[in-house]
Amino acid sequence: AAAAAAGAGGAAAGATATAGGRPRFRAKQRVRGKFQGDIGGVNWFRGTVVAVHADGSCDIDYDDGDEEKSVAPRFIRALGEAGAAAADEAEEAEGAAEEAEE
């Protein structure tokens, strides 16, 4: 991940975002986030949800040290979800392609 993306606040650290009345994400949950997905980012990174906003967006602290505020739920996958597994596979394929170029 590159520089942190800015966002607006109003988060409760223990809040849970809901989708259709069911919990979506929660603080301290391990996820993969599509870094800067709202401006065309294509890379997914592992991280931890540190806050959940009323609109369902989340603040994420990525494992590589970057942070991102108000990440839309469409750019977040709980680790263990099919979407997170697909993101893992894409990242591995990209890494293999880069190694082949060297």
C-alpha atoms as a PDB file:
ATOM      1  CA  ALA A   1       0.000   0.000   0.000  1.00  0.00           C
ATOM      2  CA  ALA A   2       1.102   3.548  -0.616  1.00  0.00           C
ATOM      3  CA  ALA A   3       0.166   6.713   1.247  1.00  0.00           C
ATOM      4  CA  ALA A   4      -2.910   6.681   3.465  1.00  0.00           C
ATOM      5  CA  ALA A   5      -6.176   7.806   1.926  1.00  0.00           C
ATOM      6  CA  ALA A   6      -8.105  10.448   3.818  1.00  0.00           C
ATOM      7  CA  GLY A   7     -11.718  10.140   4.908  1.00  0.00           C
ATOM      8  CA  ALA A   8     -14.401  11.648   7.116  1.00  0.00           C
ATOM      9  CA  GLY A   9     -15.033  10.416  10.625  1.00  0.00           C
ATOM     10  CA  GLY A  10     -17.812   9.666  13.050  1.00  0.00           C
ATOM     11  CA  ALA A  11     -16.757   6.128  13.936  1.00  0.00           C
ATOM     12  CA  ALA A  12     -17.385   4.084  17.016  1.00  0.00           C
ATOM     13  CA  ALA A  13     -14.591   1.629  17.731  1.00  0.00           C
ATOM     14  CA  GLY A  14     -16.977  -1.124  18.831  1.00  0.00           C
ATOM     15  CA  ALA A  15     -19.735  -0.472  16.295  1.00  0.00           C
ATOM     16  CA  THR A  16     -20.848  -3.067  13.788  1.00  0.00           C
ATOM     17  CA  ALA A  17     -21.792  -2.159  10.217  1.00  0.00           C
ATOM     18  CA  THR A  18     -24.942  -3.853   8.978  1.00  0.00           C
ATOM     19  CA  ALA A  19     -26.123  -4.967   5.577  1.00  0.00           C
ATOM     20  CA  GLY A  20     -29.760  -5.951   5.376  1.00  0.00           C
ATOM     21  CA  GLY A  21     -29.954  -6.139   9.176  1.00  0.00           C
ATOM     22  CA  ARG A  22     -27.030  -8.553   9.549  1.00  0.00           C
ATOM     23  CA  PRO A  23     -23.574  -7.698  10.903  1.00  0.00           C
ATOM     24  CA  ARG A  24     -20.996  -6.925   8.231  1.00  0.00           C
ATOM     25  CA  PHE A  25     -17.676  -5.930   9.837  1.00  0.00           C
ATOM     26  CA  ARG A  26     -16.544  -5.207  13.382  1.00  0.00           C
ATOM     27  CA  ALA A  27     -13.603  -3.530  15.080  1.00  0.00           C
ATOM     28  CA  LYS A  28     -10.531  -5.783  15.413  1.00  0.00           C
ATOM     29  CA  GLN A  29     -11.763  -8.028  12.568  1.00  0.00           C
ATOM     30  CA  ARG A  30      -9.070  -9.313  10.184  1.00  0.00           C
ATOM     31  CA  VAL A  31      -9.822  -8.357   6.600  1.00  0.00           C
ATOM     32  CA  ARG A  32      -8.378  -7.715   3.148  1.00  0.00           C
ATOM     33  CA  GLY A  33      -8.942  -4.216   1.868  1.00  0.00           C
ATOM     34  CA  LYS A  34      -8.658  -2.962  -1.683  1.00  0.00           C
ATOM     35  CA  PHE A  35      -6.268  -0.080  -1.013  1.00  0.00           C
ATOM     36  CA  GLN A  36      -7.564   3.165  -2.527  1.00  0.00           C
ATOM     37  CA  GLY A  37     -10.257   1.215  -4.379  1.00  0.00           C
ATOM     38  CA  ASP A  38     -12.430   4.326  -4.555  1.00  0.00           C
ATOM     39  CA  ILE A  39      -9.860   5.999  -6.851  1.00  0.00           C
ATOM     40  CA  GLY A  40      -8.972   2.992  -8.962  1.00  0.00           C
ATOM     41  CA  GLY A  41      -6.643   1.014  -6.682  1.00  0.00           C
ATOM     42  CA  VAL A  42      -6.373  -2.637  -7.707  1.00  0.00           C
ATOM     43  CA  ASN A  43      -4.293  -4.230  -4.936  1.00  0.00           C
ATOM     44  CA  TRP A  44      -5.729  -6.044  -1.926  1.00  0.00           C
ATOM     45  CA  PHE A  45      -3.869  -6.013   1.404  1.00  0.00           C
ATOM     46  CA  ARG A  46      -4.374  -7.731   4.739  1.00  0.00           C
ATOM     47  CA  GLY A  47      -5.260  -5.550   7.676  1.00  0.00           C
ATOM     48  CA  THR A  48      -7.415  -5.024  10.738  1.00  0.00           C
ATOM     49  CA  VAL A  49     -10.619  -2.999  11.056  1.00  0.00           C
ATOM     50  CA  VAL A  50     -10.038  -0.325  13.697  1.00  0.00           C
ATOM     51  CA  ALA A  51     -13.370   1.510  13.414  1.00  0.00           C
ATOM     52  CA  VAL A  52     -16.762   1.003  11.769  1.00  0.00           C
ATOM     53  CA  HIS A  53     -18.835   3.977  10.596  1.00  0.00           C
ATOM     54  CA  ALA A  54     -22.640   4.285  10.513  1.00  0.00           C
ATOM     55  CA  ASP A  55     -22.604   4.080   6.693  1.00  0.00           C
ATOM     56  CA  GLY A  56     -20.830   0.703   6.850  1.00  0.00           C
ATOM     57  CA  SER A  57     -17.418   2.043   5.830  1.00  0.00           C
ATOM     58  CA  CYS A  58     -14.420   1.039   7.917  1.00  0.00           C
ATOM     59  CA  ASP A  59     -11.064   2.435   8.954  1.00  0.00           C
ATOM     60  CA  ILE A  60      -8.354  -0.168   8.288  1.00  0.00           C
ATOM     61  CA  ASP A  61      -4.811  -0.480   9.616  1.00  0.00           C
ATOM     62  CA  TYR A  62      -2.936  -2.522   7.017  1.00  0.00           C
ATOM     63  CA  ASP A  63      -0.283  -5.036   8.010  1.00  0.00           C
ATOM     64  CA  ASP A  64       2.369  -3.121   6.027  1.00  0.00           C
ATOM     65  CA  GLY A  65       1.865  -0.043   8.215  1.00  0.00           C
ATOM     66  CA  ASP A  66      -0.454   1.985   5.984  1.00  0.00           C
ATOM     67  CA  GLU A  67      -3.837   3.210   7.167  1.00  0.00           C
ATOM     68  CA  GLU A  68      -6.999   4.039   5.272  1.00  0.00           C
ATOM     69  CA  LYS A  69     -10.121   5.833   6.496  1.00  0.00           C
ATOM     70  CA  SER A  70     -13.752   5.244   5.511  1.00  0.00           C
ATOM     71  CA  VAL A  71     -13.165   2.299   3.184  1.00  0.00           C
ATOM     72  CA  ALA A  72     -16.436   1.354   1.459  1.00  0.00           C
ATOM     73  CA  PRO A  73     -17.701  -2.149   2.313  1.00  0.00           C
ATOM     74  CA  ARG A  74     -17.448  -3.187  -1.363  1.00  0.00           C
ATOM     75  CA  PHE A  75     -13.658  -2.871  -1.008  1.00  0.00           C
ATOM     76  CA  ILE A  76     -13.429  -5.041   2.127  1.00  0.00           C
ATOM     77  CA  ARG A  77     -13.481  -8.834   2.466  1.00  0.00           C
ATOM     78  CA  ALA A  78     -13.399 -10.668   5.766  1.00  0.00           C
ATOM     79  CA  LEU A  79     -10.521 -13.136   5.810  1.00  0.00           C
ATOM     80  CA  GLY A  80     -12.004 -16.522   5.042  1.00  0.00           C
ATOM     81  CA  GLU A  81     -14.626 -15.172   2.588  1.00  0.00           C
ATOM     82  CA  ALA A  82     -14.572 -16.292  -1.057  1.00  0.00           C
ATOM     83  CA  GLY A  83     -13.716 -12.738  -2.116  1.00  0.00           C
ATOM     84  CA  ALA A  84     -10.686 -12.688   0.159  1.00  0.00           C
ATOM     85  CA  ALA A  85      -9.511 -16.019  -1.268  1.00  0.00           C
ATOM     86  CA  ALA A  86      -9.859 -14.660  -4.811  1.00  0.00           C
ATOM     87  CA  ALA A  87      -7.849 -11.581  -3.806  1.00  0.00           C
ATOM     88  CA  ASP A  88      -5.134 -13.882  -2.386  1.00  0.00           C
ATOM     89  CA  GLU A  89      -4.988 -15.833  -5.652  1.00  0.00           C
ATOM     90  CA  ALA A  90      -4.747 -12.642  -7.735  1.00  0.00           C
ATOM     91  CA  GLU A  91      -1.947 -11.316  -5.518  1.00  0.00           C
ATOM     92  CA  GLU A  92      -0.024 -14.603  -5.799  1.00  0.00           C
ATOM     93  CA  ALA A  93      -0.399 -14.632  -9.608  1.00  0.00           C
ATOM     94  CA  GLU A  94       0.812 -11.034  -9.803  1.00  0.00           C
ATOM     95  CA  GLY A  95       3.844 -11.885  -7.649  1.00  0.00           C
ATOM     96  CA  ALA A  96       4.681 -14.889  -9.834  1.00  0.00           C
ATOM     97  CA  ALA A  97       4.460 -12.732 -12.971  1.00  0.00           C
ATOM     98  CA  GLU A  98       6.818 -10.149 -11.457  1.00  0.00           C
ATOM     99  CA  GLU A  99       9.326 -12.876 -10.516  1.00  0.00           C
ATOM    100  CA  ALA A 100       9.191 -14.262 -14.063  1.00  0.00           C
ATOM    101  CA  GLU A 101      10.115 -10.829 -15.433  1.00  0.00           C
ATOM    102  CA  GLU A 102      13.275 -10.657 -13.310  1.00  0.00           C
END
